[in-house]
Amino acid sequence: MTAGIDLGQPQAQSVRSDEDVVRVRQLVRAVAVASKLSLVDQTKVVTAASELARNTLVYGGGGSVEVTVVDNGRRKGVQIVFADSGPGIADLDLAMTDGYTSGGGLGLGLSGSRRLVDEFQIETSAETGTRITVTKWSR
């Protein structure tokens, strides 16, 4: 248990307001520190989480974030799942294009967030919304 965080359990945070986006950043930073990520990697994963949480709020109409410490036997990391029930991403190829942003976030877009993490997976449809899973591993 670190600063009120049980690292053995996934940590959930709803995303319904700008304040919730800040809470996601704080939660991800706390878990990244506890997972022994370097300061550079902490900054990368927190930045990606901030952008993706904002997208969850703005484009998905709100949703949830789940932060988990993962261990692959060689190293620890932080895995974050962003989920919403919004309209999905109409043109995923365009949205994943370097430099593409619909405006409003940090300007990183999905492709920028993808570059900041080690693993990036996205599932999206108009029926189920969008689910993005990212993982950042310790070095």
C-alpha atoms as a PDB file:
ATOM      1  CA  MET A   1       0.000   0.000   0.000  1.00  0.00           C
ATOM      2  CA  THR A   2       1.468   3.336  -1.069  1.00  0.00           C
ATOM      3  CA  ALA A   3      -0.079   6.677  -0.066  1.00  0.00           C
ATOM      4  CA  GLY A   4      -3.513   5.091   0.163  1.00  0.00           C
ATOM      5  CA  ILE A   5      -3.081   3.086  -3.042  1.00  0.00           C
ATOM      6  CA  ASP A   6      -3.312  -0.713  -2.921  1.00  0.00           C
ATOM      7  CA  LEU A   7      -0.902  -1.666  -5.705  1.00  0.00           C
ATOM      8  CA  GLY A   8      -2.272  -5.196  -5.723  1.00  0.00           C
ATOM      9  CA  GLN A   9      -5.640  -3.951  -6.973  1.00  0.00           C
ATOM     10  CA  PRO A  10      -6.633  -1.974 -10.059  1.00  0.00           C
ATOM     11  CA  GLN A  11      -7.406   1.653  -9.201  1.00  0.00           C
ATOM     12  CA  ALA A  12     -10.538   3.080 -10.838  1.00  0.00           C
ATOM     13  CA  GLN A  13     -11.399   6.700 -11.530  1.00  0.00           C
ATOM     14  CA  SER A  14     -14.495   7.995 -13.276  1.00  0.00           C
ATOM     15  CA  VAL A  15     -13.996  10.735 -15.859  1.00  0.00           C
ATOM     16  CA  ARG A  16     -16.961  13.128 -15.842  1.00  0.00           C
ATOM     17  CA  SER A  17     -15.283  16.546 -15.382  1.00  0.00           C
ATOM     18  CA  ASP A  18     -12.031  18.460 -15.790  1.00  0.00           C
ATOM     19  CA  GLU A  19     -11.343  17.778 -12.115  1.00  0.00           C
ATOM     20  CA  ASP A  20     -11.543  14.038 -12.829  1.00  0.00           C
ATOM     21  CA  VAL A  21      -8.893  14.441 -15.540  1.00  0.00           C
ATOM     22  CA  VAL A  22      -6.632  16.003 -12.894  1.00  0.00           C
ATOM     23  CA  ARG A  23      -7.408  13.079 -10.555  1.00  0.00           C
ATOM     24  CA  VAL A  24      -6.424  10.625 -13.308  1.00  0.00           C
ATOM     25  CA  ARG A  25      -3.075  12.425 -13.696  1.00  0.00           C
ATOM     26  CA  GLN A  26      -2.489  12.265  -9.929  1.00  0.00           C
ATOM     27  CA  LEU A  27      -3.441   8.591  -9.738  1.00  0.00           C
ATOM     28  CA  VAL A  28      -1.229   7.617 -12.678  1.00  0.00           C
ATOM     29  CA  ARG A  29       1.713   9.569 -11.222  1.00  0.00           C
ATOM     30  CA  ALA A  30       1.314   7.875  -7.819  1.00  0.00           C
ATOM     31  CA  VAL A  31       1.166   4.408  -9.380  1.00  0.00           C
ATOM     32  CA  ALA A  32       4.104   5.202 -11.711  1.00  0.00           C
ATOM     33  CA  VAL A  33       6.229   6.341  -8.746  1.00  0.00           C
ATOM     34  CA  ALA A  34       5.269   3.242  -6.743  1.00  0.00           C
ATOM     35  CA  SER A  35       6.136   1.068  -9.758  1.00  0.00           C
ATOM     36  CA  LYS A  36       9.635   2.578  -9.796  1.00  0.00           C
ATOM     37  CA  LEU A  37       9.339   4.142 -13.234  1.00  0.00           C
ATOM     38  CA  SER A  38      12.075   6.687 -13.946  1.00  0.00           C
ATOM     39  CA  LEU A  39      11.159  10.365 -13.770  1.00  0.00           C
ATOM     40  CA  VAL A  40      11.222  10.568 -17.581  1.00  0.00           C
ATOM     41  CA  ASP A  41       8.927   7.541 -17.917  1.00  0.00           C
ATOM     42  CA  GLN A  42       6.633   8.896 -15.186  1.00  0.00           C
ATOM     43  CA  THR A  43       6.296  12.118 -17.157  1.00  0.00           C
ATOM     44  CA  LYS A  44       5.619  10.260 -20.408  1.00  0.00           C
ATOM     45  CA  VAL A  45       2.895   8.024 -18.968  1.00  0.00           C
ATOM     46  CA  VAL A  46       1.250  10.886 -17.060  1.00  0.00           C
ATOM     47  CA  THR A  47       1.229  13.040 -20.206  1.00  0.00           C
ATOM     48  CA  ALA A  48      -0.302  10.235 -22.276  1.00  0.00           C
ATOM     49  CA  ALA A  49      -2.859   9.552 -19.533  1.00  0.00           C
ATOM     50  CA  SER A  50      -3.822  13.224 -19.388  1.00  0.00           C
ATOM     51  CA  GLU A  51      -4.426  13.394 -23.139  1.00  0.00           C
ATOM     52  CA  LEU A  52      -6.364  10.116 -23.230  1.00  0.00           C
ATOM     53  CA  ALA A  53      -8.469  11.013 -20.170  1.00  0.00           C
ATOM     54  CA  ARG A  54      -9.320  14.358 -21.785  1.00  0.00           C
ATOM     55  CA  ASN A  55     -10.327  12.524 -24.985  1.00  0.00           C
ATOM     56  CA  THR A  56     -12.517  10.207 -22.889  1.00  0.00           C
ATOM     57  CA  LEU A  57     -14.284  13.254 -21.469  1.00  0.00           C
ATOM     58  CA  VAL A  58     -14.515  15.448 -24.570  1.00  0.00           C
ATOM     59  CA  TYR A  59     -15.130  12.917 -27.351  1.00  0.00           C
ATOM     60  CA  GLY A  60     -16.559   9.975 -25.420  1.00  0.00           C
ATOM     61  CA  GLY A  61     -18.843  12.021 -23.183  1.00  0.00           C
ATOM     62  CA  GLY A  62     -17.066  10.736 -20.077  1.00  0.00           C
ATOM     63  CA  GLY A  63     -16.170   7.250 -18.972  1.00  0.00           C
ATOM     64  CA  SER A  64     -13.751   5.474 -16.710  1.00  0.00           C
ATOM     65  CA  VAL A  65     -10.059   4.871 -16.219  1.00  0.00           C
ATOM     66  CA  GLU A  66      -8.491   1.863 -14.526  1.00  0.00           C
ATOM     67  CA  VAL A  67      -4.825   1.936 -13.493  1.00  0.00           C
ATOM     68  CA  THR A  68      -3.016  -1.300 -12.662  1.00  0.00           C
ATOM     69  CA  VAL A  69       0.531  -2.264 -11.736  1.00  0.00           C
ATOM     70  CA  VAL A  70       1.639  -5.050 -14.086  1.00  0.00           C
ATOM     71  CA  ASP A  71       4.618  -7.392 -13.874  1.00  0.00           C
ATOM     72  CA  ASN A  72       5.863  -9.507 -16.786  1.00  0.00           C
ATOM     73  CA  GLY A  73       8.417 -11.403 -14.692  1.00  0.00           C
ATOM     74  CA  ARG A  74      11.311  -9.153 -15.749  1.00  0.00           C
ATOM     75  CA  ARG A  75       9.997  -5.703 -14.923  1.00  0.00           C
ATOM     76  CA  LYS A  76       7.059  -3.791 -13.544  1.00  0.00           C
ATOM     77  CA  GLY A  77       4.939  -1.299 -15.341  1.00  0.00           C
ATOM     78  CA  VAL A  78       1.741   0.678 -15.329  1.00  0.00           C
ATOM     79  CA  GLN A  79      -1.231  -0.359 -17.438  1.00  0.00           C
ATOM     80  CA  ILE A  80      -4.098   2.070 -17.954  1.00  0.00           C
ATOM     81  CA  VAL A  81      -7.461   1.346 -19.564  1.00  0.00           C
ATOM     82  CA  PHE A  82      -9.598   4.274 -20.775  1.00  0.00           C
ATOM     83  CA  ALA A  83     -13.200   3.332 -21.615  1.00  0.00           C
ATOM     84  CA  ASP A  84     -16.228   5.287 -22.761  1.00  0.00           C
ATOM     85  CA  SER A  85     -19.613   4.547 -24.315  1.00  0.00           C
ATOM     86  CA  GLY A  86     -19.439   7.427 -26.764  1.00  0.00           C
ATOM     87  CA  PRO A  87     -19.861   7.391 -30.543  1.00  0.00           C
ATOM     88  CA  GLY A  88     -16.513   5.716 -31.228  1.00  0.00           C
ATOM     89  CA  ILE A  89     -13.829   7.075 -33.539  1.00  0.00           C
ATOM     90  CA  ALA A  90     -15.267   7.378 -37.040  1.00  0.00           C
ATOM     91  CA  ASP A  91     -11.934   7.349 -38.911  1.00  0.00           C
ATOM     92  CA  LEU A  92      -9.373   5.553 -36.757  1.00  0.00           C
ATOM     93  CA  ASP A  93      -6.661   5.667 -39.439  1.00  0.00           C
ATOM     94  CA  LEU A  94      -6.974   9.450 -39.641  1.00  0.00           C
ATOM     95  CA  ALA A  95      -7.099   9.812 -35.859  1.00  0.00           C
ATOM     96  CA  MET A  96      -3.868   7.780 -35.566  1.00  0.00           C
ATOM     97  CA  THR A  97      -2.046   9.899 -38.174  1.00  0.00           C
ATOM     98  CA  ASP A  98       0.967  11.801 -36.837  1.00  0.00           C
ATOM     99  CA  GLY A  99       0.091  15.426 -36.282  1.00  0.00           C
ATOM    100  CA  TYR A 100      -3.674  14.904 -36.496  1.00  0.00           C
ATOM    101  CA  THR A 101      -5.682  16.535 -33.743  1.00  0.00           C
ATOM    102  CA  SER A 102      -9.251  17.705 -33.667  1.00  0.00           C
ATOM    103  CA  GLY A 103      -8.117  20.441 -31.259  1.00  0.00           C
ATOM    104  CA  GLY A 104      -8.924  20.860 -27.578  1.00  0.00           C
ATOM    105  CA  GLY A 105      -6.403  18.487 -25.973  1.00  0.00           C
ATOM    106  CA  LEU A 106      -2.689  18.961 -25.447  1.00  0.00           C
ATOM    107  CA  GLY A 107      -2.271  18.682 -29.196  1.00  0.00           C
ATOM    108  CA  LEU A 108      -0.669  15.243 -28.920  1.00  0.00           C
ATOM    109  CA  GLY A 109      -3.564  13.369 -30.412  1.00  0.00           C
ATOM    110  CA  LEU A 110      -3.729   9.592 -30.282  1.00  0.00           C
ATOM    111  CA  SER A 111      -0.493   9.145 -32.241  1.00  0.00           C
ATOM    112  CA  GLY A 112       1.432  11.345 -29.805  1.00  0.00           C
ATOM    113  CA  SER A 113       0.033   9.423 -26.861  1.00  0.00           C
ATOM    114  CA  ARG A 114       0.994   6.165 -28.565  1.00  0.00           C
ATOM    115  CA  ARG A 115       4.622   7.328 -28.885  1.00  0.00           C
ATOM    116  CA  LEU A 116       4.837   8.067 -25.149  1.00  0.00           C
ATOM    117  CA  VAL A 117       4.013   4.504 -24.048  1.00  0.00           C
ATOM    118  CA  ASP A 118       5.426   1.054 -24.790  1.00  0.00           C
ATOM    119  CA  GLU A 119       2.154  -0.680 -25.688  1.00  0.00           C
ATOM    120  CA  PHE A 120      -0.978   0.888 -27.169  1.00  0.00           C
ATOM    121  CA  GLN A 121      -4.175  -0.924 -28.107  1.00  0.00           C
ATOM    122  CA  ILE A 122      -7.441   0.616 -29.254  1.00  0.00           C
ATOM    123  CA  GLU A 123     -10.887  -0.838 -29.841  1.00  0.00           C
ATOM    124  CA  THR A 124     -13.631   1.457 -31.108  1.00  0.00           C
ATOM    125  CA  SER A 125     -17.099   1.223 -32.593  1.00  0.00           C
ATOM    126  CA  ALA A 126     -20.219   3.340 -32.788  1.00  0.00           C
ATOM    127  CA  GLU A 127     -22.090   0.670 -30.812  1.00  0.00           C
ATOM    128  CA  THR A 128     -19.704   0.175 -27.890  1.00  0.00           C
ATOM    129  CA  GLY A 129     -17.622   3.357 -27.721  1.00  0.00           C
ATOM    130  CA  THR A 130     -13.851   3.371 -27.351  1.00  0.00           C
ATOM    131  CA  ARG A 131     -11.471   1.387 -25.159  1.00  0.00           C
ATOM    132  CA  ILE A 132      -7.768   2.254 -25.155  1.00  0.00           C
ATOM    133  CA  THR A 133      -5.226   0.213 -23.204  1.00  0.00           C
ATOM    134  CA  VAL A 134      -1.697   1.560 -22.721  1.00  0.00           C
ATOM    135  CA  THR A 135       1.272   0.135 -20.849  1.00  0.00           C
ATOM    136  CA  LYS A 136       4.534   1.797 -19.812  1.00  0.00           C
ATOM    137  CA  TRP A 137       7.282  -0.542 -18.558  1.00  0.00           C
ATOM    138  CA  SER A 138      10.132   0.304 -16.197  1.00  0.00           C
ATOM    139  CA  ARG A 139      13.564   0.432 -17.852  1.00  0.00           C
END
